[in-house]
Amino acid sequence: MDWPVVMPRFRDALLPGGVLAIAGRREQRSAWTDELLRIIQRYSTNRDFHPYSLIDELTSRRLFNRLGSFATSPVIHTQPVADYIESWHSRNGLSRDRMGHAAAEAFDNEVRELLDSHGVRDAVTFQNVGTLTWGLPDG
């Protein structure tokens, strides 16, 4: 999104006393996290990607004034290995369209082998933390 355009529109759409709520999710570290990140870095089509916090980015640009936040306790989630691997292709840098068939297949095989090396064969179990941050859009 073009945040300098979007945030003032959010601000103007709020009722008096209203706030903008930004929901998020973060996956807790697993035994395979570091190895998975190396695989992702090799295959991602986003060559210049750098991890960032949306809230920190909006705040540093003076586009969002954070008033509060909440994080859930970790929630256990289990899904079939095939679904877990496929979920990575829903992300911009790993979309099947951008990767191409051969690279997507190689990525899938490497992730499957990684999970298998950690004893994960049928279903992946991991923990997610839900986040909610609220505040006032600026700009």
N, C-alpha and C. Protein backbone atom coordinates (compact mmCIF):
# COMPACT_ATOMS: atom_id res chain seq x y z
N MET A 1 0.84 -1.19 0.00
CA MET A 1 0.00 0.00 0.00
C MET A 1 0.88 1.25 0.00
N ASP A 2 0.35 2.29 -0.52
CA ASP A 2 1.04 3.57 -0.51
C ASP A 2 0.66 4.25 0.81
N TRP A 3 1.42 3.97 1.87
CA TRP A 3 1.05 4.39 3.22
C TRP A 3 0.83 5.89 3.38
N PRO A 4 1.62 6.77 2.76
CA PRO A 4 1.35 8.20 2.90
C PRO A 4 -0.01 8.61 2.31
N VAL A 5 -0.56 7.81 1.42
CA VAL A 5 -1.89 8.07 0.86
C VAL A 5 -2.96 7.40 1.72
N VAL A 6 -2.71 6.15 2.10
CA VAL A 6 -3.71 5.34 2.79
C VAL A 6 -3.98 5.83 4.22
N MET A 7 -2.94 6.14 4.97
CA MET A 7 -3.13 6.48 6.38
C MET A 7 -4.00 7.73 6.59
N PRO A 8 -3.81 8.81 5.82
CA PRO A 8 -4.74 9.94 5.97
C PRO A 8 -6.18 9.57 5.63
N ARG A 9 -6.37 8.66 4.70
CA ARG A 9 -7.73 8.21 4.36
C ARG A 9 -8.34 7.43 5.52
N PHE A 10 -7.53 6.58 6.16
CA PHE A 10 -8.02 5.89 7.35
C PHE A 10 -8.38 6.90 8.44
N ARG A 11 -7.51 7.88 8.65
CA ARG A 11 -7.77 8.91 9.66
C ARG A 11 -9.09 9.61 9.37
N ASP A 12 -9.32 10.00 8.13
CA ASP A 12 -10.53 10.73 7.78
C ASP A 12 -11.79 9.86 7.87
N ALA A 13 -11.63 8.53 7.78
CA ALA A 13 -12.78 7.63 7.83
C ALA A 13 -13.21 7.29 9.26
N LEU A 14 -12.35 7.58 10.24
CA LEU A 14 -12.67 7.22 11.62
C LEU A 14 -13.75 8.12 12.20
N LEU A 15 -14.61 7.53 12.99
CA LEU A 15 -15.58 8.32 13.76
C LEU A 15 -14.84 9.02 14.89
N PRO A 16 -15.39 10.09 15.45
CA PRO A 16 -14.74 10.75 16.59
C PRO A 16 -14.50 9.72 17.71
N GLY A 17 -13.28 9.71 18.23
CA GLY A 17 -12.92 8.78 19.28
C GLY A 17 -12.51 7.41 18.76
N GLY A 18 -12.60 7.19 17.45
CA GLY A 18 -12.25 5.90 16.86
C GLY A 18 -10.75 5.73 16.71
N VAL A 19 -10.33 4.49 16.61
CA VAL A 19 -8.92 4.18 16.41
C VAL A 19 -8.80 3.17 15.27
N LEU A 20 -7.62 3.11 14.70
CA LEU A 20 -7.31 2.11 13.69
C LEU A 20 -6.68 0.92 14.40
N ALA A 21 -7.19 -0.27 14.15
CA ALA A 21 -6.64 -1.50 14.71
C ALA A 21 -5.92 -2.27 13.61
N ILE A 22 -4.69 -2.66 13.89
CA ILE A 22 -3.89 -3.42 12.93
C ILE A 22 -3.62 -4.79 13.54
N ALA A 23 -4.16 -5.83 12.90
CA ALA A 23 -4.00 -7.20 13.39
C ALA A 23 -2.80 -7.85 12.71
N GLY A 24 -2.15 -8.72 13.44
CA GLY A 24 -1.01 -9.43 12.89
C GLY A 24 -0.87 -10.81 13.50
N ARG A 25 0.10 -11.53 12.99
CA ARG A 25 0.39 -12.87 13.47
C ARG A 25 1.88 -13.12 13.29
N ARG A 26 2.46 -13.77 14.27
CA ARG A 26 3.85 -14.17 14.10
C ARG A 26 4.02 -15.61 14.58
N GLU A 27 4.74 -16.34 13.77
CA GLU A 27 5.00 -17.74 14.09
C GLU A 27 6.18 -17.81 15.04
N GLN A 28 6.04 -18.55 16.10
CA GLN A 28 7.12 -18.74 17.06
C GLN A 28 8.20 -19.59 16.42
N ARG A 29 9.42 -19.45 16.90
CA ARG A 29 10.54 -20.20 16.35
C ARG A 29 10.33 -21.70 16.55
N SER A 30 10.73 -22.46 15.54
CA SER A 30 10.71 -23.91 15.60
C SER A 30 12.15 -24.40 15.50
N ALA A 31 12.34 -25.69 15.69
CA ALA A 31 13.68 -26.26 15.61
C ALA A 31 14.29 -26.05 14.22
N TRP A 32 13.46 -25.91 13.21
CA TRP A 32 13.94 -25.78 11.83
C TRP A 32 13.93 -24.35 11.30
N THR A 33 13.61 -23.37 12.13
CA THR A 33 13.44 -21.99 11.65
C THR A 33 14.66 -21.46 10.90
N ASP A 34 15.85 -21.57 11.48
CA ASP A 34 17.04 -21.00 10.83
C ASP A 34 17.31 -21.65 9.49
N GLU A 35 17.18 -22.97 9.42
CA GLU A 35 17.41 -23.68 8.16
C GLU A 35 16.35 -23.30 7.13
N LEU A 36 15.11 -23.17 7.57
CA LEU A 36 14.03 -22.78 6.65
C LEU A 36 14.28 -21.38 6.09
N LEU A 37 14.73 -20.47 6.91
CA LEU A 37 15.01 -19.11 6.43
C LEU A 37 16.10 -19.11 5.36
N ARG A 38 17.10 -19.98 5.51
CA ARG A 38 18.14 -20.06 4.49
C ARG A 38 17.57 -20.58 3.16
N ILE A 39 16.66 -21.55 3.25
CA ILE A 39 16.01 -22.06 2.02
C ILE A 39 15.19 -20.95 1.38
N ILE A 40 14.42 -20.24 2.19
CA ILE A 40 13.59 -19.14 1.67
C ILE A 40 14.46 -18.09 0.99
N GLN A 41 15.57 -17.74 1.61
CA GLN A 41 16.46 -16.73 1.03
C GLN A 41 17.00 -17.18 -0.32
N ARG A 42 17.28 -18.46 -0.47
CA ARG A 42 17.80 -18.97 -1.74
C ARG A 42 16.75 -18.90 -2.85
N TYR A 43 15.50 -19.13 -2.52
CA TYR A 43 14.46 -19.24 -3.55
C TYR A 43 13.60 -17.99 -3.72
N SER A 44 13.60 -17.10 -2.76
CA SER A 44 12.72 -15.93 -2.84
C SER A 44 13.04 -15.08 -4.06
N THR A 45 12.00 -14.62 -4.73
CA THR A 45 12.19 -13.71 -5.87
C THR A 45 12.34 -12.27 -5.40
N ASN A 46 12.13 -12.02 -4.12
CA ASN A 46 12.36 -10.69 -3.54
C ASN A 46 13.81 -10.62 -3.09
N ARG A 47 14.69 -10.30 -3.98
CA ARG A 47 16.13 -10.33 -3.70
C ARG A 47 16.57 -9.25 -2.72
N ASP A 48 15.82 -8.15 -2.61
CA ASP A 48 16.21 -7.05 -1.73
C ASP A 48 15.38 -7.00 -0.45
N PHE A 49 14.69 -8.08 -0.10
CA PHE A 49 13.81 -8.08 1.07
C PHE A 49 14.62 -7.98 2.36
N HIS A 50 14.13 -7.13 3.26
CA HIS A 50 14.67 -7.01 4.61
C HIS A 50 13.50 -7.07 5.58
N PRO A 51 13.57 -7.93 6.59
CA PRO A 51 12.47 -8.02 7.55
C PRO A 51 12.23 -6.66 8.21
N TYR A 52 10.97 -6.37 8.49
CA TYR A 52 10.64 -5.12 9.15
C TYR A 52 9.35 -5.29 9.94
N SER A 53 9.13 -4.36 10.85
CA SER A 53 7.89 -4.31 11.62
C SER A 53 7.01 -3.23 11.01
N LEU A 54 5.80 -3.60 10.59
CA LEU A 54 4.89 -2.62 10.00
C LEU A 54 4.62 -1.48 10.98
N ILE A 55 4.36 -1.81 12.23
CA ILE A 55 4.06 -0.78 13.22
C ILE A 55 5.24 0.16 13.39
N ASP A 56 6.45 -0.39 13.53
CA ASP A 56 7.65 0.46 13.68
C ASP A 56 7.86 1.33 12.44
N GLU A 57 7.62 0.75 11.28
CA GLU A 57 7.80 1.50 10.03
C GLU A 57 6.82 2.67 9.94
N LEU A 58 5.54 2.40 10.22
CA LEU A 58 4.54 3.47 10.17
C LEU A 58 4.82 4.54 11.21
N THR A 59 5.24 4.12 12.40
CA THR A 59 5.54 5.08 13.48
C THR A 59 6.74 5.94 13.11
N SER A 60 7.79 5.32 12.58
CA SER A 60 8.99 6.08 12.24
C SER A 60 8.73 7.08 11.12
N ARG A 61 7.75 6.79 10.27
CA ARG A 61 7.39 7.71 9.18
C ARG A 61 6.35 8.74 9.64
N ARG A 62 6.01 8.70 10.91
CA ARG A 62 5.01 9.60 11.51
C ARG A 62 3.65 9.46 10.82
N LEU A 63 3.31 8.20 10.48
CA LEU A 63 2.02 7.92 9.85
C LEU A 63 1.06 7.21 10.79
N PHE A 64 1.55 6.84 11.98
CA PHE A 64 0.73 6.10 12.94
C PHE A 64 1.21 6.43 14.34
N ASN A 65 0.25 6.77 15.21
CA ASN A 65 0.55 7.05 16.61
C ASN A 65 -0.02 5.91 17.44
N ARG A 66 0.85 5.01 17.86
CA ARG A 66 0.43 3.81 18.60
C ARG A 66 -0.08 4.19 19.98
N LEU A 67 -1.27 3.67 20.31
CA LEU A 67 -1.85 3.92 21.63
C LEU A 67 -1.80 2.70 22.53
N GLY A 68 -1.77 1.52 21.94
CA GLY A 68 -1.72 0.30 22.74
C GLY A 68 -1.58 -0.93 21.87
N SER A 69 -1.34 -2.05 22.54
CA SER A 69 -1.21 -3.30 21.80
C SER A 69 -1.50 -4.48 22.73
N PHE A 70 -1.75 -5.61 22.11
CA PHE A 70 -2.06 -6.83 22.83
C PHE A 70 -1.52 -8.00 22.02
N ALA A 71 -0.98 -8.99 22.71
CA ALA A 71 -0.55 -10.22 22.06
C ALA A 71 -1.18 -11.40 22.78
N THR A 72 -1.65 -12.37 22.02
CA THR A 72 -2.24 -13.56 22.62
C THR A 72 -1.14 -14.45 23.19
N SER A 73 -1.52 -15.39 23.99
CA SER A 73 -0.61 -16.48 24.34
C SER A 73 -0.41 -17.29 23.07
N PRO A 74 0.70 -18.01 22.98
CA PRO A 74 0.90 -18.84 21.78
C PRO A 74 -0.24 -19.84 21.61
N VAL A 75 -0.68 -19.99 20.36
CA VAL A 75 -1.75 -20.92 20.01
C VAL A 75 -1.14 -22.01 19.14
N ILE A 76 -1.36 -23.24 19.53
CA ILE A 76 -0.81 -24.37 18.77
C ILE A 76 -1.64 -24.58 17.51
N HIS A 77 -0.95 -24.76 16.41
CA HIS A 77 -1.59 -24.98 15.11
C HIS A 77 -0.94 -26.19 14.46
N THR A 78 -1.74 -27.07 13.93
CA THR A 78 -1.24 -28.25 13.23
C THR A 78 -1.87 -28.30 11.84
N GLN A 79 -1.04 -28.57 10.83
CA GLN A 79 -1.55 -28.72 9.48
C GLN A 79 -0.71 -29.75 8.73
N PRO A 80 -1.28 -30.37 7.73
CA PRO A 80 -0.52 -31.35 6.95
C PRO A 80 0.73 -30.70 6.34
N VAL A 81 1.79 -31.47 6.23
CA VAL A 81 3.05 -30.97 5.68
C VAL A 81 2.81 -30.33 4.31
N ALA A 82 2.03 -30.96 3.46
CA ALA A 82 1.79 -30.41 2.11
C ALA A 82 1.14 -29.03 2.19
N ASP A 83 0.21 -28.84 3.11
CA ASP A 83 -0.46 -27.54 3.27
C ASP A 83 0.52 -26.50 3.82
N TYR A 84 1.36 -26.91 4.76
CA TYR A 84 2.36 -26.00 5.32
C TYR A 84 3.30 -25.51 4.22
N ILE A 85 3.79 -26.43 3.41
CA ILE A 85 4.69 -26.04 2.32
C ILE A 85 3.96 -25.14 1.34
N GLU A 86 2.73 -25.50 0.98
CA GLU A 86 1.96 -24.69 0.04
C GLU A 86 1.70 -23.29 0.57
N SER A 87 1.57 -23.16 1.89
CA SER A 87 1.30 -21.83 2.48
C SER A 87 2.42 -20.84 2.16
N TRP A 88 3.63 -21.33 1.99
CA TRP A 88 4.74 -20.43 1.66
C TRP A 88 4.56 -19.82 0.27
N HIS A 89 3.86 -20.51 -0.60
CA HIS A 89 3.65 -19.99 -1.95
C HIS A 89 2.57 -18.91 -2.00
N SER A 90 1.90 -18.65 -0.89
CA SER A 90 0.93 -17.56 -0.85
C SER A 90 1.61 -16.23 -0.58
N ARG A 91 2.89 -16.26 -0.35
CA ARG A 91 3.66 -15.04 -0.06
C ARG A 91 4.32 -14.54 -1.34
N ASN A 92 4.37 -13.25 -1.46
CA ASN A 92 4.82 -12.59 -2.68
C ASN A 92 6.11 -13.17 -3.24
N GLY A 93 7.13 -13.26 -2.47
CA GLY A 93 8.44 -13.68 -2.96
C GLY A 93 8.54 -15.15 -3.29
N LEU A 94 7.55 -15.93 -2.89
CA LEU A 94 7.58 -17.37 -3.15
C LEU A 94 6.36 -17.84 -3.95
N SER A 95 5.67 -16.91 -4.59
CA SER A 95 4.49 -17.31 -5.37
C SER A 95 4.95 -18.19 -6.53
N ARG A 96 4.15 -19.20 -6.80
CA ARG A 96 4.50 -20.13 -7.88
C ARG A 96 4.65 -19.41 -9.22
N ASP A 97 3.82 -18.40 -9.46
CA ASP A 97 3.90 -17.66 -10.72
C ASP A 97 5.25 -16.98 -10.89
N ARG A 98 5.75 -16.40 -9.81
CA ARG A 98 7.02 -15.67 -9.91
C ARG A 98 8.22 -16.60 -9.86
N MET A 99 8.11 -17.71 -9.12
CA MET A 99 9.24 -18.64 -8.99
C MET A 99 9.46 -19.48 -10.24
N GLY A 100 8.37 -19.86 -10.88
CA GLY A 100 8.46 -20.83 -11.96
C GLY A 100 8.35 -22.24 -11.42
N HIS A 101 7.96 -23.16 -12.29
CA HIS A 101 7.67 -24.53 -11.87
C HIS A 101 8.89 -25.22 -11.25
N ALA A 102 10.03 -25.15 -11.91
CA ALA A 102 11.21 -25.88 -11.45
C ALA A 102 11.68 -25.39 -10.08
N ALA A 103 11.75 -24.08 -9.90
CA ALA A 103 12.20 -23.53 -8.62
C ALA A 103 11.20 -23.84 -7.51
N ALA A 104 9.91 -23.76 -7.82
CA ALA A 104 8.89 -24.05 -6.81
C ALA A 104 8.97 -25.51 -6.38
N GLU A 105 9.17 -26.39 -7.33
CA GLU A 105 9.29 -27.82 -7.01
C GLU A 105 10.54 -28.08 -6.17
N ALA A 106 11.66 -27.44 -6.53
CA ALA A 106 12.89 -27.61 -5.75
C ALA A 106 12.72 -27.07 -4.33
N PHE A 107 12.07 -25.91 -4.21
CA PHE A 107 11.79 -25.34 -2.88
C PHE A 107 10.97 -26.33 -2.06
N ASP A 108 9.88 -26.84 -2.64
CA ASP A 108 9.02 -27.78 -1.94
C ASP A 108 9.81 -28.99 -1.45
N ASN A 109 10.66 -29.54 -2.32
CA ASN A 109 11.44 -30.72 -1.95
C ASN A 109 12.41 -30.41 -0.81
N GLU A 110 13.06 -29.25 -0.86
CA GLU A 110 14.01 -28.91 0.20
C GLU A 110 13.30 -28.71 1.54
N VAL A 111 12.16 -28.05 1.51
CA VAL A 111 11.41 -27.85 2.76
C VAL A 111 10.92 -29.19 3.30
N ARG A 112 10.43 -30.05 2.42
CA ARG A 112 9.97 -31.38 2.84
C ARG A 112 11.13 -32.17 3.46
N GLU A 113 12.30 -32.13 2.83
CA GLU A 113 13.48 -32.83 3.37
C GLU A 113 13.90 -32.24 4.72
N LEU A 114 13.83 -30.92 4.84
CA LEU A 114 14.17 -30.26 6.11
C LEU A 114 13.24 -30.74 7.21
N LEU A 115 11.95 -30.69 6.96
CA LEU A 115 10.99 -31.13 7.97
C LEU A 115 11.20 -32.60 8.32
N ASP A 116 11.44 -33.41 7.30
CA ASP A 116 11.68 -34.83 7.52
C ASP A 116 12.91 -35.04 8.42
N SER A 117 13.94 -34.23 8.23
CA SER A 117 15.15 -34.37 9.05
C SER A 117 14.89 -34.02 10.51
N HIS A 118 13.79 -33.33 10.76
CA HIS A 118 13.38 -32.99 12.14
C HIS A 118 12.26 -33.91 12.62
N GLY A 119 12.05 -35.01 11.91
CA GLY A 119 11.05 -35.98 12.32
C GLY A 119 9.62 -35.58 12.01
N VAL A 120 9.46 -34.55 11.16
CA VAL A 120 8.11 -34.07 10.80
C VAL A 120 7.78 -34.65 9.43
N ARG A 121 6.83 -35.60 9.41
CA ARG A 121 6.52 -36.28 8.16
C ARG A 121 5.09 -36.06 7.69
N ASP A 122 4.14 -36.14 8.58
CA ASP A 122 2.73 -36.04 8.18
C ASP A 122 2.14 -34.66 8.43
N ALA A 123 2.38 -34.14 9.63
CA ALA A 123 1.76 -32.86 10.02
C ALA A 123 2.78 -32.00 10.75
N VAL A 124 2.71 -30.72 10.49
CA VAL A 124 3.57 -29.73 11.14
C VAL A 124 2.80 -29.10 12.29
N THR A 125 3.43 -29.06 13.45
CA THR A 125 2.82 -28.39 14.60
C THR A 125 3.72 -27.22 14.97
N PHE A 126 3.12 -26.06 15.06
CA PHE A 126 3.87 -24.85 15.42
C PHE A 126 2.96 -23.95 16.22
N GLN A 127 3.53 -22.87 16.74
CA GLN A 127 2.76 -21.95 17.57
C GLN A 127 2.72 -20.58 16.92
N ASN A 128 1.53 -19.98 16.94
CA ASN A 128 1.33 -18.62 16.44
C ASN A 128 0.94 -17.71 17.60
N VAL A 129 1.36 -16.48 17.52
CA VAL A 129 0.93 -15.45 18.46
C VAL A 129 0.18 -14.41 17.64
N GLY A 130 -1.05 -14.12 18.05
CA GLY A 130 -1.84 -13.08 17.40
C GLY A 130 -1.53 -11.74 18.06
N THR A 131 -1.47 -10.69 17.26
CA THR A 131 -1.19 -9.35 17.79
C THR A 131 -2.26 -8.37 17.33
N LEU A 132 -2.51 -7.41 18.16
CA LEU A 132 -3.43 -6.33 17.82
C LEU A 132 -2.81 -5.03 18.34
N THR A 133 -2.63 -4.09 17.46
CA THR A 133 -2.08 -2.78 17.82
C THR A 133 -3.08 -1.74 17.38
N TRP A 134 -3.38 -0.79 18.25
CA TRP A 134 -4.32 0.25 17.89
C TRP A 134 -3.72 1.62 18.13
N GLY A 135 -4.23 2.54 17.35
CA GLY A 135 -3.72 3.91 17.44
C GLY A 135 -4.41 4.81 16.44
N LEU A 136 -3.79 5.96 16.24
CA LEU A 136 -4.36 6.97 15.34
C LEU A 136 -3.51 7.13 14.10
N PRO A 137 -4.13 7.00 12.94
CA PRO A 137 -3.37 7.24 11.72
C PRO A 137 -3.07 8.73 11.58
N ASP A 138 -1.87 9.03 11.15
CA ASP A 138 -1.44 10.41 10.92
C ASP A 138 -1.14 10.58 9.45
N GLY A 139 -0.60 11.73 9.14
CA GLY A 139 -0.16 11.93 7.76
C GLY A 139 -0.93 13.02 7.07
